[in-house]
Amino acid sequence: MGQLKQAFKAVFSAIVGIGKREDLVKDFEQTAKQGPWLYIVVALVMTVGFIALVMTIVKIVLST
């Protein structure tokens, strides 16, 4: 569960453009051990969620 939390934190930091150097080192170490697939899946889920959120907001604004 800790790895998933770290992946979400890393992807969110990358999307927003913030982050600490120590976290970046942890992310690279984790990726070297287990591969990038967890980060890829988390990034896809967060991207789809963001697109769905924007579409919902646009529908709400246009319907009123």
PDB file of N, CA and C in Angstrom:
ATOM      1  N   MET A   1       0.814  -1.193   0.000  1.00  0.00           N
ATOM      2  CA  MET A   1       0.000   0.000   0.000  1.00  0.00           C
ATOM      3  C   MET A   1       0.859   1.259   0.000  1.00  0.00           C
ATOM      4  N   GLY A   2       2.016   1.187   0.628  1.00  0.00           N
ATOM      5  CA  GLY A   2       2.920   2.326   0.669  1.00  0.00           C
ATOM      6  C   GLY A   2       3.463   2.681  -0.706  1.00  0.00           C
ATOM      7  N   GLN A   3       3.674   1.656  -1.530  1.00  0.00           N
ATOM      8  CA  GLN A   3       4.179   1.893  -2.885  1.00  0.00           C
ATOM      9  C   GLN A   3       3.152   2.622  -3.729  1.00  0.00           C
ATOM     10  N   LEU A   4       1.879   2.259  -3.558  1.00  0.00           N
ATOM     11  CA  LEU A   4       0.820   2.914  -4.314  1.00  0.00           C
ATOM     12  C   LEU A   4       0.687   4.376  -3.901  1.00  0.00           C
ATOM     13  N   LYS A   5       0.778   4.614  -2.599  1.00  0.00           N
ATOM     14  CA  LYS A   5       0.714   5.997  -2.101  1.00  0.00           C
ATOM     15  C   LYS A   5       1.878   6.812  -2.641  1.00  0.00           C
ATOM     16  N   GLN A   6       3.059   6.227  -2.650  1.00  0.00           N
ATOM     17  CA  GLN A   6       4.235   6.912  -3.168  1.00  0.00           C
ATOM     18  C   GLN A   6       4.071   7.199  -4.661  1.00  0.00           C
ATOM     19  N   ALA A   7       3.490   6.264  -5.394  1.00  0.00           N
ATOM     20  CA  ALA A   7       3.283   6.454  -6.829  1.00  0.00           C
ATOM     21  C   ALA A   7       2.299   7.587  -7.086  1.00  0.00           C
ATOM     22  N   PHE A   8       1.187   7.622  -6.326  1.00  0.00           N
ATOM     23  CA  PHE A   8       0.222   8.706  -6.497  1.00  0.00           C
ATOM     24  C   PHE A   8       0.855  10.050  -6.163  1.00  0.00           C
ATOM     25  N   LYS A   9       1.645  10.085  -5.114  1.00  0.00           N
ATOM     26  CA  LYS A   9       2.321  11.325  -4.721  1.00  0.00           C
ATOM     27  C   LYS A   9       3.292  11.774  -5.812  1.00  0.00           C
ATOM     28  N   ALA A  10       4.035  10.831  -6.367  1.00  0.00           N
ATOM     29  CA  ALA A  10       5.008  11.156  -7.409  1.00  0.00           C
ATOM     30  C   ALA A  10       4.332  11.671  -8.675  1.00  0.00           C
ATOM     31  N   VAL A  11       3.259  11.009  -9.069  1.00  0.00           N
ATOM     32  CA  VAL A  11       2.555  11.412 -10.292  1.00  0.00           C
ATOM     33  C   VAL A  11       1.882  12.764 -10.085  1.00  0.00           C
ATOM     34  N   PHE A  12       1.268  12.984  -8.923  1.00  0.00           N
ATOM     35  CA  PHE A  12       0.641  14.270  -8.653  1.00  0.00           C
ATOM     36  C   PHE A  12       1.688  15.385  -8.656  1.00  0.00           C
ATOM     37  N   SER A  13       2.831  15.125  -8.046  1.00  0.00           N
ATOM     38  CA  SER A  13       3.904  16.122  -8.030  1.00  0.00           C
ATOM     39  C   SER A  13       4.379  16.428  -9.449  1.00  0.00           C
ATOM     40  N   ALA A  14       4.446  15.417 -10.281  1.00  0.00           N
ATOM     41  CA  ALA A  14       4.869  15.622 -11.658  1.00  0.00           C
ATOM     42  C   ALA A  14       3.840  16.421 -12.450  1.00  0.00           C
ATOM     43  N   ILE A  15       2.564  16.140 -12.214  1.00  0.00           N
ATOM     44  CA  ILE A  15       1.505  16.861 -12.926  1.00  0.00           C
ATOM     45  C   ILE A  15       1.499  18.334 -12.527  1.00  0.00           C
ATOM     46  N   VAL A  16       1.616  18.592 -11.231  1.00  0.00           N
ATOM     47  CA  VAL A  16       1.566  19.961 -10.726  1.00  0.00           C
ATOM     48  C   VAL A  16       2.892  20.682 -10.974  1.00  0.00           C
ATOM     49  N   GLY A  17       3.970  19.940 -11.024  1.00  0.00           N
ATOM     50  CA  GLY A  17       5.271  20.535 -11.272  1.00  0.00           C
ATOM     51  C   GLY A  17       6.028  20.897 -10.012  1.00  0.00           C
ATOM     52  N   ILE A  18       5.702  20.228  -8.923  1.00  0.00           N
ATOM     53  CA  ILE A  18       6.406  20.462  -7.670  1.00  0.00           C
ATOM     54  C   ILE A  18       7.002  19.156  -7.192  1.00  0.00           C
ATOM     55  N   GLY A  19       7.938  19.228  -6.311  1.00  0.00           N
ATOM     56  CA  GLY A  19       8.499  18.005  -5.758  1.00  0.00           C
ATOM     57  C   GLY A  19       9.849  18.261  -5.121  1.00  0.00           C
ATOM     58  N   LYS A  20      10.225  17.335  -4.277  1.00  0.00           N
ATOM     59  CA  LYS A  20      11.515  17.436  -3.592  1.00  0.00           C
ATOM     60  C   LYS A  20      12.508  16.494  -4.249  1.00  0.00           C
ATOM     61  N   ARG A  21      13.743  16.852  -4.169  1.00  0.00           N
ATOM     62  CA  ARG A  21      14.803  16.029  -4.752  1.00  0.00           C
ATOM     63  C   ARG A  21      14.864  14.661  -4.081  1.00  0.00           C
ATOM     64  N   GLU A  22      14.635  14.610  -2.769  1.00  0.00           N
ATOM     65  CA  GLU A  22      14.668  13.334  -2.051  1.00  0.00           C
ATOM     66  C   GLU A  22      13.578  12.389  -2.558  1.00  0.00           C
ATOM     67  N   ASP A  23      12.392  12.953  -2.826  1.00  0.00           N
ATOM     68  CA  ASP A  23      11.298  12.136  -3.348  1.00  0.00           C
ATOM     69  C   ASP A  23      11.622  11.618  -4.746  1.00  0.00           C
ATOM     70  N   LEU A  24      12.279  12.448  -5.540  1.00  0.00           N
ATOM     71  CA  LEU A  24      12.663  12.027  -6.883  1.00  0.00           C
ATOM     72  C   LEU A  24      13.641  10.854  -6.825  1.00  0.00           C
ATOM     73  N   VAL A  25      14.578  10.920  -5.909  1.00  0.00           N
ATOM     74  CA  VAL A  25      15.542   9.826  -5.741  1.00  0.00           C
ATOM     75  C   VAL A  25      14.817   8.548  -5.329  1.00  0.00           C
ATOM     76  N   LYS A  26      13.852   8.656  -4.378  1.00  0.00           N
ATOM     77  CA  LYS A  26      13.072   7.484  -3.961  1.00  0.00           C
ATOM     78  C   LYS A  26      12.312   6.882  -5.141  1.00  0.00           C
ATOM     79  N   ASP A  27      11.719   7.758  -5.961  1.00  0.00           N
ATOM     80  CA  ASP A  27      10.944   7.281  -7.106  1.00  0.00           C
ATOM     81  C   ASP A  27      11.826   6.523  -8.094  1.00  0.00           C
ATOM     82  N   PHE A  28      13.011   7.060  -8.362  1.00  0.00           N
ATOM     83  CA  PHE A  28      13.917   6.382  -9.290  1.00  0.00           C
ATOM     84  C   PHE A  28      14.397   5.054  -8.722  1.00  0.00           C
ATOM     85  N   GLU A  29      14.651   5.003  -7.419  1.00  0.00           N
ATOM     86  CA  GLU A  29      15.061   3.740  -6.803  1.00  0.00           C
ATOM     87  C   GLU A  29      13.940   2.713  -6.888  1.00  0.00           C
ATOM     88  N   GLN A  30      12.718   3.147  -6.624  1.00  0.00           N
ATOM     89  CA  GLN A  30      11.557   2.252  -6.697  1.00  0.00           C
ATOM     90  C   GLN A  30      11.359   1.747  -8.121  1.00  0.00           C
ATOM     91  N   THR A  31      11.509   2.630  -9.090  1.00  0.00           N
ATOM     92  CA  THR A  31      11.341   2.242 -10.484  1.00  0.00           C
ATOM     93  C   THR A  31      12.429   1.265 -10.910  1.00  0.00           C
ATOM     94  N   ALA A  32      13.639   1.474 -10.419  1.00  0.00           N
ATOM     95  CA  ALA A  32      14.739   0.570 -10.772  1.00  0.00           C
ATOM     96  C   ALA A  32      14.493  -0.834 -10.211  1.00  0.00           C
ATOM     97  N   LYS A  33      13.869  -0.923  -9.037  1.00  0.00           N
ATOM     98  CA  LYS A  33      13.606  -2.223  -8.423  1.00  0.00           C
ATOM     99  C   LYS A  33      12.437  -2.952  -9.069  1.00  0.00           C
ATOM    100  N   GLN A  34      11.335  -2.236  -9.291  1.00  0.00           N
ATOM    101  CA  GLN A  34      10.106  -2.912  -9.707  1.00  0.00           C
ATOM    102  C   GLN A  34       9.624  -2.560 -11.108  1.00  0.00           C
ATOM    103  N   GLY A  35      10.251  -1.641 -11.751  1.00  0.00           N
ATOM    104  CA  GLY A  35       9.826  -1.254 -13.092  1.00  0.00           C
ATOM    105  C   GLY A  35       8.848  -0.089 -13.047  1.00  0.00           C
ATOM    106  N   PRO A  36       8.595   0.489 -14.188  1.00  0.00           N
ATOM    107  CA  PRO A  36       7.787   1.708 -14.252  1.00  0.00           C
ATOM    108  C   PRO A  36       6.277   1.488 -14.341  1.00  0.00           C
ATOM    109  N   TRP A  37       5.814   0.240 -14.359  1.00  0.00           N
ATOM    110  CA  TRP A  37       4.408  -0.020 -14.662  1.00  0.00           C
ATOM    111  C   TRP A  37       3.444   0.570 -13.644  1.00  0.00           C
ATOM    112  N   LEU A  38       3.791   0.572 -12.381  1.00  0.00           N
ATOM    113  CA  LEU A  38       2.910   1.160 -11.373  1.00  0.00           C
ATOM    114  C   LEU A  38       2.710   2.642 -11.638  1.00  0.00           C
ATOM    115  N   TYR A  39       3.784   3.335 -11.963  1.00  0.00           N
ATOM    116  CA  TYR A  39       3.694   4.773 -12.229  1.00  0.00           C
ATOM    117  C   TYR A  39       2.912   5.052 -13.517  1.00  0.00           C
ATOM    118  N   ILE A  40       3.079   4.198 -14.506  1.00  0.00           N
ATOM    119  CA  ILE A  40       2.345   4.371 -15.760  1.00  0.00           C
ATOM    120  C   ILE A  40       0.849   4.197 -15.535  1.00  0.00           C
ATOM    121  N   VAL A  41       0.472   3.161 -14.800  1.00  0.00           N
ATOM    122  CA  VAL A  41      -0.948   2.910 -14.534  1.00  0.00           C
ATOM    123  C   VAL A  41      -1.555   4.045 -13.701  1.00  0.00           C
ATOM    124  N   VAL A  42      -0.841   4.485 -12.677  1.00  0.00           N
ATOM    125  CA  VAL A  42      -1.332   5.578 -11.832  1.00  0.00           C
ATOM    126  C   VAL A  42      -1.483   6.851 -12.660  1.00  0.00           C
ATOM    127  N   ALA A  43      -0.527   7.128 -13.530  1.00  0.00           N
ATOM    128  CA  ALA A  43      -0.611   8.319 -14.375  1.00  0.00           C
ATOM    129  C   ALA A  43      -1.813   8.248 -15.311  1.00  0.00           C
ATOM    130  N   LEU A  44      -2.073   7.088 -15.873  1.00  0.00           N
ATOM    131  CA  LEU A  44      -3.237   6.937 -16.756  1.00  0.00           C
ATOM    132  C   LEU A  44      -4.540   7.128 -15.986  1.00  0.00           C
ATOM    133  N   VAL A  45      -4.627   6.548 -14.795  1.00  0.00           N
ATOM    134  CA  VAL A  45      -5.833   6.689 -13.976  1.00  0.00           C
ATOM    135  C   VAL A  45      -6.051   8.155 -13.608  1.00  0.00           C
ATOM    136  N   MET A  46      -5.000   8.834 -13.200  1.00  0.00           N
ATOM    137  CA  MET A  46      -5.138  10.240 -12.815  1.00  0.00           C
ATOM    138  C   MET A  46      -5.487  11.113 -14.019  1.00  0.00           C
ATOM    139  N   THR A  47      -4.949  10.797 -15.190  1.00  0.00           N
ATOM    140  CA  THR A  47      -5.264  11.562 -16.399  1.00  0.00           C
ATOM    141  C   THR A  47      -6.726  11.387 -16.785  1.00  0.00           C
ATOM    142  N   VAL A  48      -7.201  10.159 -16.758  1.00  0.00           N
ATOM    143  CA  VAL A  48      -8.611   9.903 -17.081  1.00  0.00           C
ATOM    144  C   VAL A  48      -9.516  10.585 -16.054  1.00  0.00           C
ATOM    145  N   GLY A  49      -9.142  10.536 -14.793  1.00  0.00           N
ATOM    146  CA  GLY A  49      -9.924  11.213 -13.754  1.00  0.00           C
ATOM    147  C   GLY A  49      -9.960  12.717 -13.959  1.00  0.00           C
ATOM    148  N   PHE A  50      -8.840  13.311 -14.333  1.00  0.00           N
ATOM    149  CA  PHE A  50      -8.791  14.748 -14.583  1.00  0.00           C
ATOM    150  C   PHE A  50      -9.661  15.132 -15.771  1.00  0.00           C
ATOM    151  N   ILE A  51      -9.586  14.360 -16.834  1.00  0.00           N
ATOM    152  CA  ILE A  51     -10.411  14.639 -18.014  1.00  0.00           C
ATOM    153  C   ILE A  51     -11.889  14.518 -17.670  1.00  0.00           C
ATOM    154  N   ALA A  52     -12.259  13.496 -16.909  1.00  0.00           N
ATOM    155  CA  ALA A  52     -13.659  13.327 -16.503  1.00  0.00           C
ATOM    156  C   ALA A  52     -14.114  14.498 -15.630  1.00  0.00           C
ATOM    157  N   LEU A  53     -13.255  14.966 -14.748  1.00  0.00           N
ATOM    158  CA  LEU A  53     -13.588  16.112 -13.895  1.00  0.00           C
ATOM    159  C   LEU A  53     -13.815  17.368 -14.730  1.00  0.00           C
ATOM    160  N   VAL A  54     -12.944  17.624 -15.686  1.00  0.00           N
ATOM    161  CA  VAL A  54     -13.094  18.802 -16.539  1.00  0.00           C
ATOM    162  C   VAL A  54     -14.367  18.701 -17.371  1.00  0.00           C
ATOM    163  N   MET A  55     -14.646  17.538 -17.925  1.00  0.00           N
ATOM    164  CA  MET A  55     -15.862  17.371 -18.722  1.00  0.00           C
ATOM    165  C   MET A  55     -17.108  17.575 -17.868  1.00  0.00           C
ATOM    166  N   THR A  56     -17.100  17.086 -16.649  1.00  0.00           N
ATOM    167  CA  THR A  56     -18.248  17.262 -15.752  1.00  0.00           C
ATOM    168  C   THR A  56     -18.454  18.729 -15.413  1.00  0.00           C
ATOM    169  N   ILE A  57     -17.380  19.428 -15.121  1.00  0.00           N
ATOM    170  CA  ILE A  57     -17.486  20.861 -14.807  1.00  0.00           C
ATOM    171  C   ILE A  57     -18.017  21.632 -16.009  1.00  0.00           C
ATOM    172  N   VAL A  58     -17.536  21.326 -17.194  1.00  0.00           N
ATOM    173  CA  VAL A  58     -18.006  22.007 -18.399  1.00  0.00           C
ATOM    174  C   VAL A  58     -19.489  21.734 -18.633  1.00  0.00           C
ATOM    175  N   LYS A  59     -19.925  20.494 -18.449  1.00  0.00           N
ATOM    176  CA  LYS A  59     -21.354  20.164 -18.604  1.00  0.00           C
ATOM    177  C   LYS A  59     -22.211  20.923 -17.611  1.00  0.00           C
ATOM    178  N   ILE A  60     -21.755  21.026 -16.367  1.00  0.00           N
ATOM    179  CA  ILE A  60     -22.508  21.741 -15.336  1.00  0.00           C
ATOM    180  C   ILE A  60     -22.604  23.221 -15.690  1.00  0.00           C
ATOM    181  N   VAL A  61     -21.490  23.800 -16.104  1.00  0.00           N
ATOM    182  CA  VAL A  61     -21.488  25.236 -16.439  1.00  0.00           C
ATOM    183  C   VAL A  61     -22.361  25.511 -17.649  1.00  0.00           C
ATOM    184  N   LEU A  62     -22.323  24.669 -18.657  1.00  0.00           N
ATOM    185  CA  LEU A  62     -23.107  24.900 -19.861  1.00  0.00           C
ATOM    186  C   LEU A  62     -24.588  24.611 -19.667  1.00  0.00           C
ATOM    187  N   SER A  63     -24.938  23.806 -18.686  1.00  0.00           N
ATOM    188  CA  SER A  63     -26.344  23.474 -18.481  1.00  0.00           C
ATOM    189  C   SER A  63     -27.083  24.541 -17.678  1.00  0.00           C
ATOM    190  N   THR A  64     -26.363  25.431 -17.036  1.00  0.00           N
ATOM    191  CA  THR A  64     -27.035  26.474 -16.233  1.00  0.00           C
ATOM    192  C   THR A  64     -27.131  27.769 -16.956  1.00  0.00           C
TER     193      THR A  64
END
